[in-house]
Structures are given as C-alpha cells and as structure tokens.
Amino acid sequence: MENKLAKLSKSMHGAVEKADRTADLIDRIAEGVLDVKGDVRSIMERDPAASSAAEVIFLYSGFHAVAAYRIAHRLDEKGHKFAARAISQAAKFFTDIEIHPSAKIGKRLFIDHGAGVVIGETAEIGDDCTIYQGATLGGTGKHVGKRHPTLGNNVMVGAGAKVLGPFKVGDNTKIAAGAVVLNEIPADSTAVGMPARVVRKQGVKQEDAGCGGDLDQIHIPDPVAQELCRLRCRIEELERRLDEKEKDKGSE
C-alpha cells in the first residue's frame, strides 16, 4: 500500500513539473502574447477547486478561452480579421465562451466555469478580473463605435449578470449574480438587482441599501425586498396609531 501511495505521489509531482515545463514552453513560443504562468497562478489563487497547475492548463475551459483570445487578438491587431474570428469561433465551439478578438482584456482574467460567457467587440477589461458563467458584457442597439462596457481592475461579474452599454464599471467593484447593469457603477461598489442598484460603496452601505457584511456574488442585500420590508413596517406602525386613536375615542 505504501509503495502504491509513493508511486501515486511521485506521479502527481511529475505531472505538476510537466505542467510547469509546458507553461514555460508555451510562454517561449508565444512570447509577448501569452502569460501562461501568470494566468495559472492567478486561477489557483482564486479557485479553491484548482488542485494543480496541470489541471488548470489541461482542463479549465476559461483558461483555454482566454489563451485563444490572446492569439486571436494579436491577429486582429495585425489586420487578419478572418483568421482571428476563426480562432475565436473555434474556441467558442470547444469552451462555450465567446470573446470577440477586438475586445481589450488586461492581465490575469479568470473565467470560472465559463459556459455561456459573452464578451463583445468593444468591451474593455482591466487586470485581475473574475467573470462567472452566464455573464454577458454586451452592447445595446445597432450603432457603431464604443457600445460595450469597460471594466476596471479587480472587478467581479457574478453568474448570469448582464452588463449592457458603453459605460464604465469602476475598480474593485462586485456585480451580483443575476444583476442587469445598465448604467455606470463607481469604484469600490457592489451592485445588485434588475436594473442594478449600488448597495455598497467604498465599504459603506448606502442609505437605501440595508445592511450587509463582507459581500460575495450571492450573499448580498436585495434592495427591493428591503424596501418592501420598510413599507410593511411603516404600514404596521400606522395601523398601530389608528388602533390607539380608536381606543381613545371609545374611552371618551
């Protein structure tokens, strides 16, 4: 049994070393286009399910989609539009993630799971951003020019969220799962709802947002539910006052 465990451990260690060598080789081949080691490291830091570099390189569809985008984007910049789109469509077929080659994406983008993610032609994404499955960075209407959103650095876009239009989402902002963002969101904020509203800004809750602690893409306050709760409390207070007045009249 111990021999089998030792062999398994040696095999896993060898796979990790092989993955590191593969990353170095890809980096050398695609120098100036890919940053495989940086991408792998950032994914392992953000995803507790990532057990090894080999797993990320060979099995993560988000990693594959971003790597394909980097190559397609370089071709797009050089005017090879058809080849760039061909690569992006092939990547879409294999990963279910569609990234237009003309989009501008910073370093260490992590697309978690990735199914159904769409990033439009004029979208811009800063460094160290995280996008979950089903999210869309889309445009509105048929006008030309800038029509997709710009994400700052360290922005998180939750599962199923839709960010639609040519506005900016500030640095360190969180967009909740299922949110529909139609207007600019300031830096250091958390946005939730349909259409999205800012419920936390620079770590401080907004007056109409209710309470909340450290927020992730799911455990965040629902501003609509909180407004209904305040209205219910107000109605109960008014009913109590009416009951008191009726009792006072009856005692007279």
Protein backbone atom coordinates (compact mmCIF):
# COMPACT_ATOMS: atom_id res chain seq x y z
CA MET A 1 0.00 0.00 0.00
CA GLU A 2 2.79 2.40 0.93
CA ASN A 3 4.56 1.64 -2.35
CA LYS A 4 1.39 2.45 -4.30
CA LEU A 5 0.96 5.74 -2.43
CA ALA A 6 4.60 6.61 -3.05
CA LYS A 7 4.20 5.88 -6.76
CA LEU A 8 0.99 7.94 -6.91
CA SER A 9 2.67 10.87 -5.15
CA LYS A 10 5.66 10.66 -7.47
CA SER A 11 3.35 10.53 -10.48
CA MET A 12 1.39 13.61 -9.33
CA HIS A 13 4.60 15.51 -8.62
CA GLY A 14 5.83 14.62 -12.09
CA ALA A 15 2.57 15.86 -13.64
CA VAL A 16 2.92 19.22 -11.88
CA GLU A 17 6.53 19.57 -13.05
CA LYS A 18 5.47 18.63 -16.57
CA ALA A 19 2.73 21.25 -16.48
CA ASP A 20 5.23 23.90 -15.35
CA ARG A 21 7.59 22.90 -18.19
CA THR A 22 4.65 23.04 -20.61
CA ALA A 23 3.77 26.52 -19.38
CA ASP A 24 7.38 27.67 -19.84
CA LEU A 25 7.44 26.20 -23.35
CA ILE A 26 4.16 27.88 -24.35
CA ASP A 27 5.40 31.17 -22.90
CA ARG A 28 8.56 30.96 -25.01
CA ILE A 29 6.65 30.04 -28.17
CA ALA A 30 4.07 32.79 -27.68
CA GLU A 31 6.34 35.36 -26.05
CA GLY A 32 4.59 38.69 -25.75
CA VAL A 33 1.17 37.12 -26.38
CA LEU A 34 0.52 34.67 -23.54
CA ASP A 35 1.40 34.72 -19.85
CA VAL A 36 0.61 31.11 -19.02
CA LYS A 37 2.36 31.01 -15.65
CA GLY A 38 0.74 34.25 -14.52
CA ASP A 39 -2.72 33.08 -15.61
CA VAL A 40 -2.32 29.68 -13.97
CA ARG A 41 -1.07 31.21 -10.73
CA SER A 42 -3.98 33.67 -10.56
CA ILE A 43 -6.55 30.92 -11.21
CA MET A 44 -5.11 28.72 -8.48
CA GLU A 45 -5.20 31.65 -6.06
CA ARG A 46 -8.86 32.41 -6.81
CA ASP A 47 -10.33 28.94 -7.32
CA PRO A 48 -10.15 26.54 -4.35
CA ALA A 49 -11.12 23.69 -6.70
CA ALA A 50 -7.88 24.04 -8.68
CA SER A 51 -5.62 21.34 -7.25
CA SER A 52 -2.65 21.69 -9.61
CA ALA A 53 -1.17 23.68 -12.47
CA ALA A 54 -1.65 20.64 -14.72
CA GLU A 55 -5.39 20.64 -14.01
CA VAL A 56 -5.70 24.33 -14.92
CA ILE A 57 -3.68 24.04 -18.13
CA PHE A 58 -5.34 20.93 -19.49
CA LEU A 59 -8.86 21.01 -18.06
CA TYR A 60 -10.02 24.61 -17.46
CA SER A 61 -12.19 25.93 -20.30
CA GLY A 62 -11.84 29.51 -19.06
CA PHE A 63 -8.06 29.26 -19.33
CA HIS A 64 -8.33 27.83 -22.85
CA ALA A 65 -10.77 30.56 -23.97
CA VAL A 66 -8.53 33.38 -22.70
CA ALA A 67 -5.41 31.81 -24.29
CA ALA A 68 -7.23 31.51 -27.63
CA TYR A 69 -8.42 35.12 -27.29
CA ARG A 70 -4.84 36.36 -26.78
CA ILE A 71 -3.73 34.77 -30.05
CA ALA A 72 -6.85 35.91 -31.91
CA HIS A 73 -6.46 39.45 -30.58
CA ARG A 74 -2.86 39.65 -31.82
CA LEU A 75 -4.00 38.52 -35.28
CA ASP A 76 -6.87 41.03 -35.16
CA GLU A 77 -4.44 43.84 -34.34
CA LYS A 78 -2.34 42.88 -37.36
CA GLY A 79 -5.40 43.04 -39.64
CA HIS A 80 -6.00 39.30 -40.01
CA LYS A 81 -9.70 39.63 -39.17
CA PHE A 82 -10.93 36.36 -40.67
CA ALA A 83 -8.23 34.24 -39.02
CA ALA A 84 -8.88 35.97 -35.70
CA ARG A 85 -12.62 35.28 -35.87
CA ALA A 86 -11.96 31.70 -36.94
CA ILE A 87 -9.89 31.12 -33.79
CA SER A 88 -12.47 32.79 -31.55
CA GLN A 89 -15.31 30.72 -33.06
CA ALA A 90 -13.31 27.51 -32.68
CA ALA A 91 -12.67 28.42 -29.04
CA LYS A 92 -16.40 29.09 -28.60
CA PHE A 93 -17.21 25.64 -30.01
CA PHE A 94 -14.87 23.89 -27.55
CA THR A 95 -15.39 26.09 -24.45
CA ASP A 96 -18.86 27.66 -24.83
CA ILE A 97 -17.20 31.03 -24.16
CA GLU A 98 -17.37 33.73 -26.84
CA ILE A 99 -14.79 36.52 -26.74
CA HIS A 100 -14.59 38.86 -29.71
CA PRO A 101 -10.99 39.23 -30.92
CA SER A 102 -11.26 43.03 -30.89
CA ALA A 103 -12.11 43.19 -27.17
CA LYS A 104 -9.34 44.58 -24.95
CA ILE A 105 -8.53 42.39 -21.96
CA GLY A 106 -5.91 43.03 -19.30
CA LYS A 107 -3.78 40.56 -17.40
CA ARG A 108 -4.89 37.53 -15.38
CA LEU A 109 -8.56 37.37 -16.38
CA PHE A 110 -10.22 34.35 -14.72
CA ILE A 111 -13.41 33.00 -16.31
CA ASP A 112 -14.77 30.45 -13.81
CA HIS A 113 -16.73 27.55 -15.37
CA GLY A 114 -17.42 29.86 -18.28
CA ALA A 115 -20.43 28.30 -20.00
CA GLY A 116 -22.42 30.99 -21.78
CA VAL A 117 -20.00 33.87 -21.16
CA VAL A 118 -20.08 36.51 -23.94
CA ILE A 119 -17.63 39.43 -24.25
CA GLY A 120 -18.44 41.89 -27.04
CA GLU A 121 -16.30 43.60 -29.65
CA THR A 122 -15.67 46.95 -27.92
CA ALA A 123 -15.60 45.61 -24.36
CA GLU A 124 -12.57 46.50 -22.25
CA ILE A 125 -11.48 44.57 -19.16
CA GLY A 126 -8.78 45.60 -16.68
CA ASP A 127 -6.34 43.40 -14.77
CA ASP A 128 -7.23 40.64 -12.27
CA CYS A 129 -10.93 40.48 -13.13
CA THR A 130 -13.17 37.46 -12.48
CA ILE A 131 -16.18 36.53 -14.60
CA TYR A 132 -18.57 33.70 -13.74
CA GLN A 133 -20.69 31.51 -16.01
CA GLY A 134 -23.52 33.02 -18.00
CA ALA A 135 -22.26 36.61 -17.73
CA THR A 136 -22.52 38.98 -20.69
CA LEU A 137 -20.58 42.14 -21.48
CA GLY A 138 -22.88 43.29 -24.25
CA GLY A 139 -23.98 46.28 -26.25
CA THR A 140 -27.31 47.97 -26.88
CA GLY A 141 -28.71 48.96 -30.25
CA LYS A 142 -27.02 48.79 -33.64
CA HIS A 143 -24.88 51.92 -33.51
CA VAL A 144 -21.19 51.62 -34.35
CA GLY A 145 -18.27 52.68 -32.18
CA LYS A 146 -17.96 52.06 -28.46
CA ARG A 147 -21.07 50.12 -27.42
CA HIS A 148 -19.85 47.61 -24.82
CA PRO A 149 -18.84 48.19 -21.19
CA THR A 150 -15.43 48.90 -19.71
CA LEU A 151 -14.46 47.06 -16.53
CA GLY A 152 -11.77 48.47 -14.26
CA ASN A 153 -9.22 46.39 -12.36
CA ASN A 154 -10.23 43.64 -9.94
CA VAL A 155 -13.90 43.62 -10.97
CA MET A 156 -16.07 40.57 -10.27
CA VAL A 157 -19.05 39.83 -12.53
CA GLY A 158 -21.36 37.26 -10.91
CA ALA A 159 -23.05 34.27 -12.56
CA GLY A 160 -25.72 35.27 -15.08
CA ALA A 161 -25.06 39.01 -14.72
CA LYS A 162 -25.60 41.23 -17.76
CA VAL A 163 -23.59 44.43 -18.21
CA LEU A 164 -25.04 46.23 -21.22
CA GLY A 165 -23.86 49.52 -22.69
CA PRO A 166 -20.80 51.72 -23.26
CA PHE A 167 -20.21 52.81 -19.65
CA LYS A 168 -17.55 52.08 -17.04
CA VAL A 169 -17.62 49.79 -14.04
CA GLY A 170 -15.05 51.11 -11.55
CA ASP A 171 -12.12 49.27 -9.95
CA ASN A 172 -12.76 46.72 -7.17
CA THR A 173 -16.48 46.55 -7.93
CA LYS A 174 -18.68 43.47 -7.46
CA ILE A 175 -21.68 42.80 -9.69
CA ALA A 176 -24.04 40.32 -8.08
CA ALA A 177 -25.25 37.11 -9.68
CA GLY A 178 -28.21 37.81 -11.98
CA ALA A 179 -27.80 41.60 -11.90
CA VAL A 180 -28.58 43.66 -15.00
CA VAL A 181 -26.28 46.70 -15.13
CA LEU A 182 -27.42 49.49 -17.46
CA ASN A 183 -25.55 52.49 -16.03
CA GLU A 184 -22.09 53.39 -14.77
CA ILE A 185 -21.04 51.88 -11.44
CA PRO A 186 -18.47 53.75 -9.30
CA ALA A 187 -15.30 52.15 -7.97
CA ASP A 188 -15.31 50.07 -4.78
CA SER A 189 -19.03 49.33 -5.04
CA THR A 190 -21.40 46.39 -5.03
CA ALA A 191 -24.33 46.39 -7.47
CA VAL A 192 -27.38 44.14 -7.30
CA GLY A 193 -30.80 43.86 -8.89
CA MET A 194 -32.63 44.31 -12.18
CA PRO A 195 -31.84 47.01 -13.10
CA ALA A 196 -28.79 47.02 -10.83
CA ARG A 197 -28.52 49.45 -7.92
CA VAL A 198 -25.46 50.22 -5.82
CA VAL A 199 -25.94 48.71 -2.36
CA ARG A 200 -22.46 49.30 -1.03
CA LYS A 201 -19.90 51.96 -1.90
CA GLN A 202 -16.32 52.11 -0.63
CA GLY A 203 -17.19 49.58 2.04
CA VAL A 204 -20.09 51.65 3.41
CA LYS A 205 -23.72 50.66 2.91
CA GLN A 206 -25.92 53.13 1.04
CA GLU A 207 -28.89 54.76 2.81
CA ASP A 208 -31.41 52.78 0.81
CA ALA A 209 -29.43 49.56 0.74
CA GLY A 210 -29.96 48.00 4.14
CA CYS A 211 -27.33 46.02 5.96
CA GLY A 212 -24.68 43.60 4.75
CA GLY A 213 -21.29 42.37 5.71
CA ASP A 214 -18.38 41.29 3.57
CA LEU A 215 -20.17 40.63 0.28
CA ASP A 216 -19.76 37.94 -2.33
CA GLN A 217 -21.76 37.39 -5.52
CA ILE A 218 -24.62 35.66 -3.69
CA HIS A 219 -24.89 36.84 -0.07
CA ILE A 220 -25.83 40.44 -0.70
CA PRO A 221 -28.85 42.53 0.29
CA ASP A 222 -31.88 42.70 -2.01
CA PRO A 223 -32.87 46.39 -2.21
CA VAL A 224 -36.38 45.62 -3.47
CA ALA A 225 -37.11 43.18 -0.64
CA GLN A 226 -35.70 45.66 1.87
CA GLU A 227 -37.89 48.48 0.52
CA LEU A 228 -40.96 46.25 0.82
CA CYS A 229 -39.91 45.37 4.37
CA ARG A 230 -39.65 49.08 5.27
CA LEU A 231 -43.08 49.74 3.76
CA ARG A 232 -44.58 46.85 5.72
CA CYS A 233 -43.06 48.20 8.94
CA ARG A 234 -44.45 51.65 8.14
CA ILE A 235 -47.93 50.24 7.49
CA GLU A 236 -47.84 48.31 10.76
CA GLU A 237 -46.84 51.49 12.59
CA LEU A 238 -49.71 53.46 11.02
CA GLU A 239 -52.18 50.69 11.86
CA ARG A 240 -50.98 50.74 15.47
CA ARG A 241 -51.53 54.51 15.69
CA LEU A 242 -55.04 54.18 14.20
CA ASP A 243 -55.90 51.47 16.74
CA GLU A 244 -54.71 53.75 19.57
CA LYS A 245 -56.84 56.66 18.28
CA GLU A 246 -59.91 54.42 18.02
CA LYS A 247 -59.37 53.20 21.59
CA ASP A 248 -59.02 56.81 22.79
CA LYS A 249 -62.32 57.74 21.08
CA GLY A 250 -64.03 54.72 22.57
CA SER A 251 -62.87 55.63 26.08
CA GLU A 252 -64.38 59.09 25.70
